């Protein structure tokens, strides 16, 4: 089976596009508007870009009426947002925060989490999340689609401060991912949770390359 999405209808009852690039990390992003409204929303188009310095990106589709997402507007107007790690224990809060609320209403008021505040910007954070990135806004690239909802804002940012709950570290100083149980976006209404990991090392990699792949800090 094959088809051209630009010119042919999907031959399946549900599009496979969003279910092929999986699992996708969740950008559970908190921000604050210029007039002080605290916002929290999950984005499944989220990724690290580079590590020196650490930079990230997320993509946000517009609403059908052409409105841009609050997180995008807030990042552009205030210069900051925070990434909160989405975990199994926080899954219901993540899902509830995906509701399309009026811009003057805070998702934090709909979920049972504790607010803490970022050091550098005062952006609200989910205290129960084990890891946070304080992200300084860099730029937005707008890509126009075939419809308002197909048009996206791709936002780039630099990570200026990283927060890690020391209780989720292993004895050798790594994140204990099976213990944290991050959740990831699949296609359809499906999600995945990380409960098992395995290790593979690239044959013949130099000592420096191996250290880089493992993420050695020095």
N, C-alpha and C. Protein backbone atom coordinates (compact mmCIF):
# COMPACT_ATOMS: atom_id res chain seq x y z
N UNK A 1 0.84 -1.19 0.00
CA UNK A 1 0.00 0.00 0.00
C UNK A 1 0.87 1.24 0.00
N UNK A 2 0.56 2.22 -0.80
CA UNK A 2 1.25 3.49 -0.80
C UNK A 2 0.32 4.56 -1.36
N UNK A 3 0.54 5.79 -0.95
CA UNK A 3 -0.27 6.90 -1.45
C UNK A 3 0.48 8.20 -1.28
N UNK A 4 0.12 9.21 -2.06
CA UNK A 4 0.71 10.54 -1.99
C UNK A 4 -0.24 11.44 -1.19
N UNK A 5 0.13 11.82 0.03
CA UNK A 5 -0.80 12.59 0.87
C UNK A 5 -1.18 13.93 0.29
N UNK A 6 -0.36 14.50 -0.59
CA UNK A 6 -0.69 15.80 -1.17
C UNK A 6 -1.76 15.71 -2.25
N UNK A 7 -1.93 14.52 -2.85
CA UNK A 7 -2.84 14.42 -3.99
C UNK A 7 -3.82 13.26 -3.94
N UNK A 8 -3.66 12.36 -2.97
CA UNK A 8 -4.51 11.18 -2.90
C UNK A 8 -5.12 11.04 -1.52
N UNK A 9 -6.36 10.58 -1.42
CA UNK A 9 -6.95 10.34 -0.10
C UNK A 9 -6.28 9.16 0.57
N UNK A 10 -6.25 9.21 1.89
CA UNK A 10 -5.67 8.10 2.65
C UNK A 10 -6.52 6.84 2.44
N UNK A 11 -5.93 5.71 2.07
CA UNK A 11 -6.71 4.50 1.83
C UNK A 11 -7.12 3.78 3.11
N UNK A 12 -6.64 4.26 4.26
CA UNK A 12 -6.98 3.65 5.54
C UNK A 12 -7.98 4.51 6.29
N UNK A 13 -8.75 3.91 7.20
CA UNK A 13 -9.72 4.73 7.96
C UNK A 13 -9.05 5.74 8.90
N UNK A 14 -7.80 5.50 9.28
CA UNK A 14 -7.06 6.43 10.13
C UNK A 14 -5.68 6.64 9.51
N UNK A 15 -5.23 7.89 9.46
CA UNK A 15 -3.96 8.20 8.82
C UNK A 15 -2.80 7.55 9.57
N UNK A 16 -1.90 6.88 8.85
CA UNK A 16 -0.73 6.27 9.51
C UNK A 16 0.38 7.27 9.80
N UNK A 17 0.27 8.49 9.28
CA UNK A 17 1.40 9.43 9.37
C UNK A 17 1.85 9.65 10.81
N UNK A 18 0.90 9.98 11.69
CA UNK A 18 1.27 10.29 13.06
C UNK A 18 1.64 9.05 13.87
N UNK A 19 1.38 7.87 13.34
CA UNK A 19 1.67 6.64 14.07
C UNK A 19 2.93 5.95 13.58
N UNK A 20 3.66 6.56 12.67
CA UNK A 20 4.91 5.98 12.20
C UNK A 20 6.12 6.55 12.94
N UNK A 21 6.13 7.84 13.17
CA UNK A 21 7.23 8.46 13.91
C UNK A 21 6.90 8.37 15.39
N UNK A 22 7.18 7.22 15.98
CA UNK A 22 6.81 6.96 17.37
C UNK A 22 7.93 6.17 18.05
N UNK A 23 7.98 6.23 19.39
CA UNK A 23 7.23 7.14 20.26
C UNK A 23 7.82 8.55 20.20
N UNK A 24 6.98 9.55 20.41
CA UNK A 24 7.41 10.93 20.37
C UNK A 24 7.45 11.51 21.79
N UNK A 25 8.57 12.14 22.16
CA UNK A 25 8.64 12.76 23.49
C UNK A 25 7.61 13.88 23.61
N UNK A 26 7.10 14.07 24.79
CA UNK A 26 6.08 15.08 25.04
C UNK A 26 6.72 16.35 25.58
N UNK A 27 6.44 17.44 24.90
CA UNK A 27 6.86 18.74 25.41
C UNK A 27 5.75 19.30 26.29
N UNK A 28 5.82 18.99 27.58
CA UNK A 28 4.79 19.51 28.51
C UNK A 28 5.30 20.88 28.96
N UNK A 29 4.77 21.92 28.33
CA UNK A 29 5.36 23.24 28.41
C UNK A 29 4.51 24.20 29.23
N UNK A 30 5.16 24.84 30.18
CA UNK A 30 4.50 25.87 30.98
C UNK A 30 5.05 27.22 30.58
N UNK A 31 4.18 28.21 30.67
CA UNK A 31 4.55 29.58 30.29
C UNK A 31 3.62 30.53 31.02
N UNK A 32 3.88 31.81 30.86
CA UNK A 32 3.01 32.82 31.46
C UNK A 32 2.82 33.93 30.44
N UNK A 33 1.61 34.44 30.35
CA UNK A 33 1.31 35.48 29.39
C UNK A 33 1.85 36.82 29.86
N UNK A 34 1.86 37.78 28.96
CA UNK A 34 2.36 39.11 29.31
C UNK A 34 1.54 39.76 30.41
N UNK A 35 0.26 39.35 30.52
CA UNK A 35 -0.57 39.90 31.59
C UNK A 35 -0.74 38.95 32.77
N UNK A 36 0.13 37.93 32.86
CA UNK A 36 0.23 37.13 34.07
C UNK A 36 -0.58 35.86 34.14
N UNK A 37 -1.22 35.42 33.06
CA UNK A 37 -1.99 34.17 33.08
C UNK A 37 -1.03 32.99 32.89
N UNK A 38 -1.09 32.02 33.81
CA UNK A 38 -0.19 30.87 33.76
C UNK A 38 -0.78 29.78 32.86
N UNK A 39 0.05 29.25 31.98
CA UNK A 39 -0.40 28.30 30.96
C UNK A 39 0.39 27.01 31.05
N UNK A 40 -0.25 25.89 30.72
CA UNK A 40 0.41 24.59 30.69
C UNK A 40 -0.23 23.75 29.60
N UNK A 41 0.58 23.19 28.69
CA UNK A 41 0.03 22.42 27.58
C UNK A 41 1.06 21.41 27.08
N UNK A 42 0.59 20.23 26.63
CA UNK A 42 1.51 19.23 26.07
C UNK A 42 1.61 19.35 24.55
N UNK A 43 2.82 19.17 24.04
CA UNK A 43 3.07 19.18 22.59
C UNK A 43 3.84 17.91 22.23
N UNK A 44 3.35 17.21 21.21
CA UNK A 44 4.02 15.96 20.83
C UNK A 44 5.06 16.16 19.75
N UNK A 45 5.18 17.37 19.23
CA UNK A 45 6.26 17.68 18.30
C UNK A 45 7.32 18.47 19.07
N UNK A 46 8.15 17.74 19.81
CA UNK A 46 9.13 18.34 20.72
C UNK A 46 10.43 17.58 20.60
N UNK A 47 11.56 18.27 20.63
CA UNK A 47 12.82 17.55 20.46
C UNK A 47 14.01 18.38 20.92
N UNK A 48 15.06 17.68 21.38
CA UNK A 48 16.37 18.30 21.54
C UNK A 48 16.95 18.58 20.16
N UNK A 49 17.72 19.65 20.03
CA UNK A 49 18.37 19.98 18.77
C UNK A 49 19.87 19.77 18.82
N UNK A 50 20.51 20.29 19.85
CA UNK A 50 21.95 20.15 20.01
C UNK A 50 22.26 20.28 21.49
N UNK A 51 23.53 20.08 21.85
CA UNK A 51 23.87 20.02 23.27
C UNK A 51 24.91 21.05 23.69
N UNK A 52 25.50 21.80 22.76
CA UNK A 52 26.56 22.74 23.11
C UNK A 52 26.37 24.06 22.37
N UNK A 53 25.52 24.96 22.88
CA UNK A 53 24.74 24.85 24.11
C UNK A 53 23.48 24.01 23.88
N UNK A 54 22.84 23.54 24.95
CA UNK A 54 21.62 22.75 24.76
C UNK A 54 20.49 23.62 24.18
N UNK A 55 19.95 23.16 23.06
CA UNK A 55 18.84 23.86 22.42
C UNK A 55 17.72 22.87 22.12
N UNK A 56 16.49 23.38 22.10
CA UNK A 56 15.31 22.56 21.90
C UNK A 56 14.36 23.24 20.92
N UNK A 57 13.35 22.48 20.48
CA UNK A 57 12.32 23.04 19.62
C UNK A 57 10.99 22.36 19.89
N UNK A 58 9.91 23.07 19.59
CA UNK A 58 8.60 22.44 19.53
C UNK A 58 7.81 23.08 18.41
N UNK A 59 6.87 22.31 17.87
CA UNK A 59 6.01 22.79 16.80
C UNK A 59 4.57 22.78 17.28
N UNK A 60 3.85 23.87 17.01
CA UNK A 60 2.48 24.03 17.48
C UNK A 60 1.57 24.35 16.30
N UNK A 61 0.63 23.47 16.03
CA UNK A 61 -0.37 23.75 15.00
C UNK A 61 -1.31 24.85 15.46
N UNK A 62 -1.78 25.64 14.52
CA UNK A 62 -2.78 26.66 14.85
C UNK A 62 -4.13 26.01 15.10
N UNK A 63 -5.03 26.77 15.71
CA UNK A 63 -6.42 26.34 15.84
C UNK A 63 -7.11 26.47 14.48
N UNK A 64 -8.23 25.78 14.29
CA UNK A 64 -8.95 25.87 13.00
C UNK A 64 -9.33 27.29 12.61
N UNK A 65 -9.54 28.17 13.60
CA UNK A 65 -9.90 29.55 13.28
C UNK A 65 -8.68 30.45 13.04
N UNK A 66 -7.48 29.85 13.04
CA UNK A 66 -6.28 30.60 12.76
C UNK A 66 -5.56 31.16 13.97
N UNK A 67 -6.13 31.00 15.16
CA UNK A 67 -5.44 31.49 16.36
C UNK A 67 -4.19 30.66 16.63
N UNK A 68 -3.16 31.33 17.11
CA UNK A 68 -1.92 30.65 17.47
C UNK A 68 -2.01 30.15 18.92
N UNK A 69 -1.25 29.10 19.23
CA UNK A 69 -1.29 28.52 20.56
C UNK A 69 -0.72 29.49 21.59
N UNK A 70 -1.30 29.44 22.79
CA UNK A 70 -0.88 30.35 23.86
C UNK A 70 0.60 30.22 24.18
N UNK A 71 1.12 28.99 24.16
CA UNK A 71 2.52 28.79 24.51
C UNK A 71 3.43 29.55 23.56
N UNK A 72 3.09 29.55 22.28
CA UNK A 72 3.89 30.26 21.28
C UNK A 72 3.87 31.77 21.56
N UNK A 73 2.68 32.29 21.74
CA UNK A 73 2.53 33.73 21.99
C UNK A 73 3.24 34.12 23.28
N UNK A 74 3.07 33.32 24.33
CA UNK A 74 3.71 33.64 25.61
C UNK A 74 5.23 33.62 25.49
N UNK A 75 5.77 32.62 24.79
CA UNK A 75 7.23 32.54 24.63
C UNK A 75 7.75 33.75 23.88
N UNK A 76 7.05 34.15 22.83
CA UNK A 76 7.48 35.30 22.05
C UNK A 76 7.39 36.59 22.86
N UNK A 77 6.35 36.74 23.64
CA UNK A 77 6.14 38.01 24.36
C UNK A 77 6.98 38.13 25.62
N UNK A 78 7.24 37.01 26.31
CA UNK A 78 7.98 37.08 27.58
C UNK A 78 9.41 36.59 27.46
N UNK A 79 9.69 35.80 26.40
CA UNK A 79 11.04 35.31 26.19
C UNK A 79 11.39 34.02 26.89
N UNK A 80 10.39 33.36 27.53
CA UNK A 80 10.69 32.15 28.30
C UNK A 80 9.54 31.14 28.25
N UNK A 81 9.89 29.88 28.45
CA UNK A 81 8.94 28.83 28.80
C UNK A 81 9.72 27.73 29.51
N UNK A 82 9.01 26.77 30.12
CA UNK A 82 9.64 25.68 30.85
C UNK A 82 9.13 24.35 30.33
N UNK A 83 10.04 23.42 30.10
CA UNK A 83 9.67 22.03 29.81
C UNK A 83 9.61 21.26 31.11
N UNK A 84 8.50 20.53 31.32
CA UNK A 84 8.30 19.66 32.48
C UNK A 84 8.23 18.22 31.98
N UNK A 85 9.00 17.31 32.55
CA UNK A 85 8.96 15.93 32.09
C UNK A 85 7.60 15.31 32.42
N UNK A 86 6.97 14.72 31.41
CA UNK A 86 5.67 14.05 31.57
C UNK A 86 5.90 12.60 31.95
N UNK A 87 5.31 12.16 33.05
CA UNK A 87 5.53 10.81 33.55
C UNK A 87 4.22 10.06 33.72
N UNK A 88 4.34 8.76 33.96
CA UNK A 88 3.16 7.91 34.17
C UNK A 88 2.30 8.44 35.32
N UNK A 89 2.94 8.83 36.41
CA UNK A 89 2.18 9.32 37.56
C UNK A 89 1.44 10.61 37.26
N UNK A 90 1.92 11.37 36.28
CA UNK A 90 1.32 12.66 35.94
C UNK A 90 0.46 12.60 34.68
N UNK A 91 0.17 11.39 34.20
CA UNK A 91 -0.50 11.24 32.90
C UNK A 91 -1.87 11.93 32.84
N UNK A 92 -2.65 11.85 33.90
CA UNK A 92 -3.98 12.46 33.88
C UNK A 92 -3.86 13.98 33.85
N UNK A 93 -2.90 14.52 34.57
CA UNK A 93 -2.68 15.97 34.53
C UNK A 93 -2.23 16.41 33.15
N UNK A 94 -1.37 15.62 32.51
CA UNK A 94 -0.93 15.93 31.15
C UNK A 94 -2.13 15.96 30.21
N UNK A 95 -2.98 14.96 30.31
CA UNK A 95 -4.15 14.87 29.43
C UNK A 95 -5.11 16.02 29.65
N UNK A 96 -5.38 16.34 30.91
CA UNK A 96 -6.30 17.44 31.20
C UNK A 96 -5.75 18.78 30.71
N UNK A 97 -4.44 18.95 30.81
CA UNK A 97 -3.85 20.22 30.39
C UNK A 97 -3.89 20.41 28.87
N UNK A 98 -4.27 19.35 28.13
CA UNK A 98 -4.40 19.46 26.67
C UNK A 98 -5.71 20.11 26.25
N UNK A 99 -6.61 20.37 27.20
CA UNK A 99 -7.90 20.98 26.88
C UNK A 99 -7.69 22.36 26.25
N UNK A 100 -8.53 22.67 25.27
CA UNK A 100 -8.48 23.99 24.64
C UNK A 100 -9.29 24.97 25.48
N UNK A 101 -8.60 25.72 26.33
CA UNK A 101 -9.26 26.67 27.22
C UNK A 101 -9.09 28.10 26.68
N UNK A 102 -9.95 29.00 27.09
CA UNK A 102 -9.74 30.41 26.74
C UNK A 102 -8.38 30.88 27.26
N UNK A 103 -7.76 31.79 26.55
CA UNK A 103 -6.41 32.22 26.90
C UNK A 103 -6.32 32.86 28.28
N UNK A 104 -7.44 33.35 28.79
CA UNK A 104 -7.41 33.99 30.11
C UNK A 104 -7.64 32.99 31.25
N UNK A 105 -7.77 31.69 30.92
CA UNK A 105 -7.97 30.67 31.95
C UNK A 105 -6.74 29.79 32.04
N UNK A 106 -6.29 29.48 33.27
CA UNK A 106 -5.07 28.72 33.48
C UNK A 106 -5.36 27.23 33.61
N UNK A 107 -4.61 26.41 32.87
CA UNK A 107 -4.73 24.96 32.99
C UNK A 107 -4.30 24.48 34.37
N UNK A 108 -3.43 25.23 35.03
CA UNK A 108 -3.00 24.84 36.37
C UNK A 108 -4.18 24.75 37.33
N UNK A 109 -5.22 25.53 37.07
CA UNK A 109 -6.38 25.52 37.95
C UNK A 109 -7.26 24.29 37.74
N UNK A 110 -7.01 23.51 36.68
CA UNK A 110 -7.80 22.33 36.36
C UNK A 110 -7.17 21.03 36.81
N UNK A 111 -5.92 21.08 37.24
CA UNK A 111 -5.20 19.85 37.55
C UNK A 111 -4.66 19.88 38.97
N UNK A 112 -4.47 18.68 39.52
CA UNK A 112 -4.03 18.55 40.91
C UNK A 112 -2.51 18.40 40.97
N UNK A 113 -1.82 19.51 40.73
CA UNK A 113 -0.36 19.54 40.84
C UNK A 113 0.05 20.75 41.67
N UNK A 114 1.29 20.71 42.11
CA UNK A 114 1.84 21.81 42.91
C UNK A 114 2.64 22.73 42.01
N UNK A 115 2.40 24.02 42.10
CA UNK A 115 3.20 24.98 41.36
C UNK A 115 4.52 25.25 42.09
N UNK A 116 5.59 25.27 41.32
CA UNK A 116 6.84 25.88 41.77
C UNK A 116 7.21 26.88 40.68
N UNK A 117 8.24 27.67 40.90
CA UNK A 117 8.52 28.73 39.94
C UNK A 117 9.97 28.72 39.51
N UNK A 118 10.18 28.94 38.22
CA UNK A 118 11.51 28.92 37.64
C UNK A 118 12.39 30.01 38.24
N UNK A 119 13.65 29.71 38.36
CA UNK A 119 14.60 30.65 38.98
C UNK A 119 14.83 31.89 38.12
N UNK A 120 14.96 31.70 36.82
CA UNK A 120 15.41 32.77 35.94
C UNK A 120 14.29 33.65 35.41
N UNK A 121 13.07 33.09 35.33
CA UNK A 121 11.99 33.83 34.67
C UNK A 121 10.72 33.92 35.48
N UNK A 122 10.59 33.12 36.53
CA UNK A 122 9.35 33.10 37.29
C UNK A 122 8.23 32.34 36.61
N UNK A 123 8.53 31.60 35.56
CA UNK A 123 7.51 30.79 34.88
C UNK A 123 7.09 29.66 35.81
N UNK A 124 5.79 29.34 35.90
CA UNK A 124 5.35 28.25 36.77
C UNK A 124 5.83 26.91 36.25
N UNK A 125 6.12 26.00 37.18
CA UNK A 125 6.55 24.65 36.84
C UNK A 125 5.70 23.65 37.62
N UNK A 126 5.64 22.41 37.12
CA UNK A 126 4.95 21.33 37.82
C UNK A 126 5.95 20.72 38.80
N UNK A 127 5.75 20.97 40.09
CA UNK A 127 6.72 20.54 41.09
C UNK A 127 6.88 19.03 41.13
N UNK A 128 5.83 18.28 40.82
CA UNK A 128 5.90 16.82 40.88
C UNK A 128 6.67 16.22 39.71
N UNK A 129 6.95 17.00 38.69
CA UNK A 129 7.74 16.50 37.57
C UNK A 129 9.20 16.38 38.00
N UNK A 130 9.90 15.30 37.63
CA UNK A 130 11.25 15.09 38.14
C UNK A 130 12.33 15.92 37.45
N UNK A 131 12.04 16.44 36.25
CA UNK A 131 13.04 17.19 35.51
C UNK A 131 12.39 18.38 34.82
N UNK A 132 13.13 19.49 34.77
CA UNK A 132 12.64 20.69 34.11
C UNK A 132 13.77 21.35 33.34
N UNK A 133 13.42 21.98 32.23
CA UNK A 133 14.34 22.86 31.49
C UNK A 133 13.78 24.27 31.52
N UNK A 134 14.57 25.24 31.95
CA UNK A 134 14.19 26.64 31.78
C UNK A 134 14.69 27.08 30.41
N UNK A 135 13.77 27.40 29.52
CA UNK A 135 14.08 27.63 28.11
C UNK A 135 13.92 29.10 27.74
N UNK A 136 14.99 29.67 27.20
CA UNK A 136 14.97 31.05 26.73
C UNK A 136 14.63 31.08 25.25
N UNK A 137 13.60 31.78 24.91
CA UNK A 137 13.12 31.85 23.52
C UNK A 137 14.17 32.43 22.59
N UNK A 138 14.33 31.80 21.41
CA UNK A 138 15.26 32.29 20.40
C UNK A 138 14.53 32.83 19.18
N UNK A 139 13.67 32.02 18.57
CA UNK A 139 13.01 32.46 17.34
C UNK A 139 11.85 31.54 17.01
N UNK A 140 11.01 31.99 16.06
CA UNK A 140 9.89 31.20 15.56
C UNK A 140 9.98 31.12 14.05
N UNK A 141 9.80 29.92 13.52
CA UNK A 141 9.70 29.72 12.08
C UNK A 141 8.28 29.28 11.76
N UNK A 142 7.57 30.10 10.97
CA UNK A 142 6.18 29.75 10.62
C UNK A 142 6.17 29.02 9.28
N UNK A 143 5.54 27.86 9.28
CA UNK A 143 5.40 27.05 8.07
C UNK A 143 3.93 26.95 7.72
N UNK A 144 3.57 27.43 6.55
CA UNK A 144 2.16 27.47 6.16
C UNK A 144 1.73 26.13 5.57
N UNK A 145 0.59 25.64 6.05
CA UNK A 145 0.02 24.42 5.54
C UNK A 145 -1.11 24.70 4.57
N UNK A 146 -1.87 23.66 4.25
CA UNK A 146 -2.98 23.81 3.31
C UNK A 146 -4.25 24.34 3.97
N UNK A 147 -4.20 24.53 5.27
CA UNK A 147 -5.35 25.03 6.02
C UNK A 147 -4.82 25.74 7.26
N UNK A 148 -5.66 26.49 7.96
CA UNK A 148 -5.18 27.12 9.19
C UNK A 148 -4.63 26.12 10.20
N UNK A 149 -5.32 24.98 10.37
CA UNK A 149 -4.84 24.01 11.35
C UNK A 149 -3.58 23.30 10.87
N UNK A 150 -3.33 23.31 9.57
CA UNK A 150 -2.11 22.72 9.04
C UNK A 150 -0.91 23.64 9.10
N UNK A 151 -1.14 24.91 9.44
CA UNK A 151 -0.06 25.88 9.58
C UNK A 151 0.54 25.78 10.97
N UNK A 152 1.87 25.77 11.05
CA UNK A 152 2.52 25.57 12.34
C UNK A 152 3.53 26.68 12.65
N UNK A 153 3.74 26.86 13.95
CA UNK A 153 4.83 27.68 14.46
C UNK A 153 5.88 26.74 15.03
N UNK A 154 7.09 26.79 14.51
CA UNK A 154 8.20 26.02 15.05
C UNK A 154 9.04 26.95 15.91
N UNK A 155 9.08 26.66 17.20
CA UNK A 155 9.72 27.56 18.16
C UNK A 155 11.05 26.96 18.60
N UNK A 156 12.10 27.78 18.57
CA UNK A 156 13.44 27.36 18.97
C UNK A 156 13.82 28.09 20.27
N UNK A 157 14.51 27.37 21.15
CA UNK A 157 14.89 27.95 22.44
C UNK A 157 16.20 27.35 22.92
N UNK A 158 16.84 28.06 23.82
CA UNK A 158 18.08 27.58 24.44
C UNK A 158 17.80 27.26 25.91
N UNK A 159 18.28 26.11 26.36
CA UNK A 159 18.08 25.70 27.74
C UNK A 159 19.11 26.40 28.62
N UNK A 160 18.62 27.25 29.51
CA UNK A 160 19.51 28.05 30.35
C UNK A 160 19.71 27.45 31.74
N UNK A 161 18.77 26.65 32.21
CA UNK A 161 18.92 25.99 33.51
C UNK A 161 18.18 24.66 33.49
N UNK A 162 18.82 23.64 34.05
CA UNK A 162 18.25 22.29 34.12
C UNK A 162 18.02 21.93 35.58
N UNK A 163 16.82 21.45 35.88
CA UNK A 163 16.48 21.01 37.23
C UNK A 163 16.29 19.48 37.22
N UNK A 164 16.87 18.78 38.17
CA UNK A 164 16.71 17.33 38.30
C UNK A 164 16.46 17.00 39.76
N UNK A 165 15.39 16.26 40.02
CA UNK A 165 15.11 15.76 41.37
C UNK A 165 16.13 14.66 41.66
N UNK A 166 16.95 14.85 42.68
CA UNK A 166 18.02 13.90 42.97
C UNK A 166 17.51 12.52 43.35
N UNK A 167 16.24 12.42 43.72
CA UNK A 167 15.69 11.12 44.11
C UNK A 167 15.51 10.18 42.92
N UNK A 168 15.58 10.70 41.69
CA UNK A 168 15.41 9.84 40.51
C UNK A 168 16.74 9.51 39.85
N UNK A 169 17.87 9.74 40.56
CA UNK A 169 19.18 9.41 40.03
C UNK A 169 19.64 8.04 40.50
N UNK A 170 20.38 7.36 39.63
CA UNK A 170 21.01 6.11 40.01
C UNK A 170 22.27 6.42 40.82
N UNK A 171 22.89 5.39 41.38
CA UNK A 171 24.08 5.60 42.20
C UNK A 171 25.25 6.14 41.39
N UNK A 172 25.25 5.88 40.06
CA UNK A 172 26.34 6.40 39.24
C UNK A 172 25.97 7.70 38.54
N UNK A 173 24.88 8.34 38.97
CA UNK A 173 24.58 9.69 38.51
C UNK A 173 23.84 9.79 37.20
N UNK A 174 23.09 8.76 36.84
CA UNK A 174 22.26 8.82 35.63
C UNK A 174 20.79 8.88 36.03
N UNK A 175 19.97 9.39 35.11
CA UNK A 175 18.53 9.36 35.35
C UNK A 175 18.05 7.91 35.34
N UNK A 176 17.26 7.54 36.34
CA UNK A 176 16.71 6.19 36.44
C UNK A 176 15.40 6.16 35.65
N UNK A 177 15.51 5.99 34.33
CA UNK A 177 14.35 6.11 33.45
C UNK A 177 13.25 5.10 33.77
N UNK A 178 13.54 3.81 33.99
CA UNK A 178 12.44 2.89 34.33
C UNK A 178 11.71 3.28 35.61
N UNK A 179 12.42 3.91 36.53
CA UNK A 179 11.77 4.37 37.77
C UNK A 179 10.91 5.61 37.50
N UNK A 180 11.41 6.53 36.68
CA UNK A 180 10.68 7.75 36.36
C UNK A 180 9.43 7.44 35.54
N UNK A 181 9.53 6.50 34.60
CA UNK A 181 8.44 6.11 33.70
C UNK A 181 7.92 7.30 32.88
N UNK A 182 8.78 7.87 32.03
CA UNK A 182 8.28 8.92 31.14
C UNK A 182 7.22 8.37 30.20
N UNK A 183 6.27 9.21 29.82
CA UNK A 183 5.28 8.80 28.83
C UNK A 183 5.60 9.47 27.50
N UNK A 184 5.16 8.84 26.43
CA UNK A 184 5.43 9.33 25.09
C UNK A 184 4.17 9.24 24.26
N UNK A 185 4.08 10.08 23.24
CA UNK A 185 2.91 10.13 22.36
C UNK A 185 3.06 9.12 21.25
N UNK A 186 2.04 8.34 21.03
CA UNK A 186 1.96 7.45 19.89
C UNK A 186 0.96 8.09 18.91
N UNK A 187 0.39 7.32 18.02
CA UNK A 187 -0.65 7.86 17.15
C UNK A 187 -2.02 7.65 17.77
N UNK A 188 -3.05 8.11 17.03
CA UNK A 188 -4.43 7.91 17.47
C UNK A 188 -4.62 8.51 18.87
N UNK A 189 -5.25 7.78 19.80
CA UNK A 189 -5.35 8.23 21.19
C UNK A 189 -4.36 7.48 22.08
N UNK A 190 -3.32 6.92 21.50
CA UNK A 190 -2.44 6.00 22.21
C UNK A 190 -1.19 6.71 22.74
N UNK A 191 -0.75 6.24 23.90
CA UNK A 191 0.49 6.68 24.52
C UNK A 191 1.32 5.46 24.89
N UNK A 192 2.58 5.68 25.20
CA UNK A 192 3.46 4.61 25.67
C UNK A 192 4.15 5.08 26.94
N UNK A 193 4.59 4.12 27.74
CA UNK A 193 5.35 4.45 28.95
C UNK A 193 6.64 3.64 28.95
N UNK A 194 7.74 4.29 29.33
CA UNK A 194 9.03 3.62 29.36
C UNK A 194 9.19 2.92 30.70
N UNK A 195 9.24 1.59 30.66
CA UNK A 195 9.45 0.80 31.87
C UNK A 195 10.67 -0.10 31.75
N UNK A 196 11.20 -0.24 30.55
CA UNK A 196 12.39 -1.06 30.33
C UNK A 196 13.35 -0.32 29.40
N UNK A 197 14.63 -0.49 29.63
CA UNK A 197 15.65 0.06 28.74
C UNK A 197 16.70 -1.02 28.47
N UNK A 198 17.42 -0.86 27.38
CA UNK A 198 18.55 -1.74 27.10
C UNK A 198 19.67 -0.91 26.51
N UNK A 199 20.89 -1.43 26.60
CA UNK A 199 22.07 -0.68 26.19
C UNK A 199 22.68 -1.29 24.94
N UNK A 200 23.12 -0.44 24.01
CA UNK A 200 23.91 -0.86 22.86
C UNK A 200 25.03 0.14 22.68
N UNK A 201 26.24 -0.35 22.47
CA UNK A 201 27.39 0.50 22.24
C UNK A 201 27.88 0.28 20.81
N UNK A 202 28.21 1.38 20.12
CA UNK A 202 28.60 1.30 18.72
C UNK A 202 29.98 0.65 18.60
N UNK A 203 30.09 -0.40 17.82
CA UNK A 203 31.39 -1.06 17.66
C UNK A 203 32.42 -0.11 17.06
N UNK A 204 33.61 -0.11 17.63
CA UNK A 204 34.71 0.67 17.07
C UNK A 204 34.68 2.15 17.38
N UNK A 205 33.73 2.60 18.18
CA UNK A 205 33.66 4.03 18.51
C UNK A 205 34.87 4.43 19.34
N UNK A 206 35.42 5.60 19.05
CA UNK A 206 36.55 6.09 19.83
C UNK A 206 36.11 6.39 21.25
N UNK A 207 37.10 6.55 22.12
CA UNK A 207 36.78 6.86 23.52
C UNK A 207 36.00 8.16 23.63
N UNK A 208 36.40 9.17 22.84
CA UNK A 208 35.72 10.46 22.89
C UNK A 208 34.30 10.34 22.34
N UNK A 209 34.15 9.59 21.23
CA UNK A 209 32.82 9.41 20.66
C UNK A 209 31.91 8.64 21.61
N UNK A 210 32.45 7.62 22.23
CA UNK A 210 31.66 6.83 23.18
C UNK A 210 31.21 7.68 24.35
N UNK A 211 32.11 8.53 24.85
CA UNK A 211 31.76 9.41 25.97
C UNK A 211 30.66 10.38 25.56
N UNK A 212 30.75 10.89 24.33
CA UNK A 212 29.73 11.82 23.84
C UNK A 212 28.39 11.14 23.70
N UNK A 213 28.38 9.92 23.17
CA UNK A 213 27.13 9.19 22.98
C UNK A 213 26.48 8.88 24.32
N UNK A 214 27.31 8.58 25.32
CA UNK A 214 26.77 8.26 26.64
C UNK A 214 26.33 9.51 27.38
N UNK A 215 26.82 10.65 26.94
CA UNK A 215 26.44 11.90 27.58
C UNK A 215 27.32 12.27 28.75
N UNK A 216 28.58 11.85 28.71
CA UNK A 216 29.51 12.20 29.79
C UNK A 216 29.60 13.72 29.90
N UNK A 217 29.49 14.23 31.12
CA UNK A 217 29.44 15.67 31.34
C UNK A 217 30.77 16.34 31.11
N UNK A 218 31.88 15.62 31.29
CA UNK A 218 33.21 16.22 31.14
C UNK A 218 34.05 15.47 30.12
